[in-house]
């Protein structure tokens, strides 16, 4: 099966669901606030418009989403401190501006003066499967 391009908001909702479920497993029973948040996230994932698309109707799409999120979480755990800082900063920038930052902007934000150094770190994030480099536009796309 081809690699499904899941929407970023669906990936984030599944990731948040995984984290909340793990937190509930560590807590004593009867945590109504967390259970309510879990119900909301469950609904957000279950009724997402992606499931009405051709890829979303695939019998294995939901399993593929869960697998992909687990793989990305594992990849993120293996990042260096600098790579985590860069990834977090890029996520914040994209959330605020709706587009990827330039390498120069990333470097200024995280204290790297060389765009080659930033490019090296972005290449490592791409190897980890957390970003994609494009040949057009700003050149970076978050995978989640």
Protein backbone atom coordinates (compact mmCIF):
# COMPACT_ATOMS: atom_id res chain seq x y z
CA UNK A 1 0.00 0.00 0.00
CA UNK A 2 1.19 3.51 -0.78
CA UNK A 3 2.28 5.80 2.02
CA UNK A 4 -0.85 7.69 3.06
CA UNK A 5 -0.48 11.45 3.49
CA UNK A 6 -2.41 11.98 6.72
CA UNK A 7 -3.42 15.57 7.55
CA UNK A 8 -1.25 17.20 10.20
CA UNK A 9 -4.19 17.92 12.51
CA UNK A 10 -5.25 14.25 12.43
CA UNK A 11 -1.72 13.10 13.26
CA UNK A 12 -1.57 15.58 16.15
CA UNK A 13 -4.97 14.45 17.47
CA UNK A 14 -3.86 10.79 17.39
CA UNK A 15 -0.59 11.70 19.12
CA UNK A 16 -2.47 13.64 21.81
CA UNK A 17 -4.85 10.69 22.22
CA UNK A 18 -1.88 8.32 22.71
CA UNK A 19 -0.30 10.59 25.34
CA UNK A 20 -3.56 11.07 27.21
CA UNK A 21 -4.28 7.34 27.18
CA UNK A 22 -0.83 6.65 28.62
CA UNK A 23 -1.36 9.32 31.29
CA UNK A 24 -4.70 7.75 32.26
CA UNK A 25 -3.03 4.35 32.59
CA UNK A 26 -0.62 5.83 35.17
CA UNK A 27 -3.35 7.54 37.19
CA UNK A 28 -5.88 6.08 39.59
CA UNK A 29 -9.33 5.30 38.25
CA UNK A 30 -11.98 7.98 38.30
CA UNK A 31 -10.21 10.92 36.69
CA UNK A 32 -13.22 12.61 35.06
CA UNK A 33 -11.36 15.54 33.52
CA UNK A 34 -8.89 13.27 31.73
CA UNK A 35 -11.66 10.89 30.64
CA UNK A 36 -13.60 13.81 29.20
CA UNK A 37 -10.52 15.03 27.29
CA UNK A 38 -10.03 11.48 25.99
CA UNK A 39 -13.64 11.37 24.76
CA UNK A 40 -13.18 14.67 22.94
CA UNK A 41 -9.97 13.47 21.28
CA UNK A 42 -11.61 10.16 20.37
CA UNK A 43 -14.41 12.05 18.64
CA UNK A 44 -11.96 14.39 16.90
CA UNK A 45 -10.08 11.43 15.42
CA UNK A 46 -13.21 9.38 14.64
CA UNK A 47 -15.14 12.07 12.74
CA UNK A 48 -12.22 13.74 10.98
CA UNK A 49 -13.04 14.58 7.35
CA UNK A 50 -10.01 12.57 6.19
CA UNK A 51 -11.98 9.34 6.72
CA UNK A 52 -14.30 10.38 3.87
CA UNK A 53 -11.43 10.60 1.35
CA UNK A 54 -10.32 7.72 -0.86
CA UNK A 55 -7.23 7.08 1.31
CA UNK A 56 -9.30 7.35 4.47
CA UNK A 57 -11.75 4.70 3.29
CA UNK A 58 -8.94 2.16 2.98
CA UNK A 59 -9.51 -0.75 5.40
CA UNK A 60 -6.05 -0.32 6.93
CA UNK A 61 -5.99 3.50 7.13
CA UNK A 62 -6.77 3.73 10.86
CA UNK A 63 -4.13 1.13 11.69
CA UNK A 64 -1.67 2.94 9.44
CA UNK A 65 -2.33 6.21 11.29
CA UNK A 66 -1.67 4.61 14.69
CA UNK A 67 1.48 2.91 13.39
CA UNK A 68 2.77 6.11 11.79
CA UNK A 69 2.25 8.11 14.99
CA UNK A 70 4.06 5.46 17.07
CA UNK A 71 6.99 5.51 14.62
CA UNK A 72 7.19 9.32 14.73
CA UNK A 73 7.09 9.36 18.54
CA UNK A 74 9.94 6.84 18.63
CA UNK A 75 11.95 8.90 16.12
CA UNK A 76 11.39 12.04 18.19
CA UNK A 77 12.72 10.31 21.33
CA UNK A 78 16.03 9.67 19.52
CA UNK A 79 16.63 13.33 18.63
CA UNK A 80 19.41 15.39 20.16
CA UNK A 81 18.52 18.32 22.39
CA UNK A 82 19.36 20.76 19.58
CA UNK A 83 17.19 18.85 17.09
CA UNK A 84 14.28 18.85 19.56
CA UNK A 85 14.66 22.61 20.03
CA UNK A 86 14.68 23.18 16.27
CA UNK A 87 11.65 20.94 15.72
CA UNK A 88 9.69 22.61 18.53
CA UNK A 89 10.58 26.06 17.19
CA UNK A 90 9.52 25.11 13.65
CA UNK A 91 6.20 23.76 14.96
CA UNK A 92 5.56 27.00 16.83
CA UNK A 93 6.46 29.09 13.80
CA UNK A 94 4.20 27.08 11.49
CA UNK A 95 1.33 27.28 13.99
CA UNK A 96 1.72 31.06 14.20
CA UNK A 97 2.53 31.92 10.58
CA UNK A 98 1.00 29.09 8.57
CA UNK A 99 4.18 28.46 6.60
CA UNK A 100 7.64 27.05 7.19
CA UNK A 101 10.45 29.36 8.32
CA UNK A 102 13.62 29.89 6.31
CA UNK A 103 16.88 28.26 7.34
CA UNK A 104 18.19 31.68 8.34
CA UNK A 105 15.18 32.28 10.61
CA UNK A 106 15.64 28.88 12.23
CA UNK A 107 19.32 29.57 12.80
CA UNK A 108 18.67 32.96 14.40
CA UNK A 109 16.02 31.45 16.69
CA UNK A 110 18.16 28.57 17.95
CA UNK A 111 21.56 30.25 17.95
CA UNK A 112 23.17 28.78 14.84
CA UNK A 113 24.92 31.34 12.65
CA UNK A 114 25.54 29.05 9.68
CA UNK A 115 22.69 28.03 7.39
CA UNK A 116 24.79 24.95 6.56
CA UNK A 117 24.57 23.91 10.22
CA UNK A 118 20.82 24.45 10.17
CA UNK A 119 20.60 22.47 6.94
CA UNK A 120 22.52 19.61 8.55
CA UNK A 121 20.08 19.53 11.47
CA UNK A 122 17.09 19.68 9.11
CA UNK A 123 18.57 16.76 7.15
CA UNK A 124 18.75 14.77 10.40
CA UNK A 125 15.10 15.62 11.13
CA UNK A 126 14.22 14.46 7.63
CA UNK A 127 16.13 11.20 8.10
CA UNK A 128 14.11 10.67 11.29
CA UNK A 129 10.91 11.11 9.26
CA UNK A 130 9.74 14.21 11.14
CA UNK A 131 10.03 16.76 8.33
CA UNK A 132 10.11 16.67 4.55
CA UNK A 133 12.31 18.85 2.41
CA UNK A 134 10.68 20.28 -0.68
CA UNK A 135 12.25 21.55 -3.84
CA UNK A 136 10.05 24.65 -3.86
CA UNK A 137 8.75 27.31 -1.49
CA UNK A 138 10.37 27.51 1.94
CA UNK A 139 11.65 23.98 1.56
CA UNK A 140 10.46 22.37 4.84
CA UNK A 141 7.19 20.58 5.58
CA UNK A 142 6.31 19.16 8.98
CA UNK A 143 5.16 15.57 9.03
CA UNK A 144 3.45 16.34 12.36
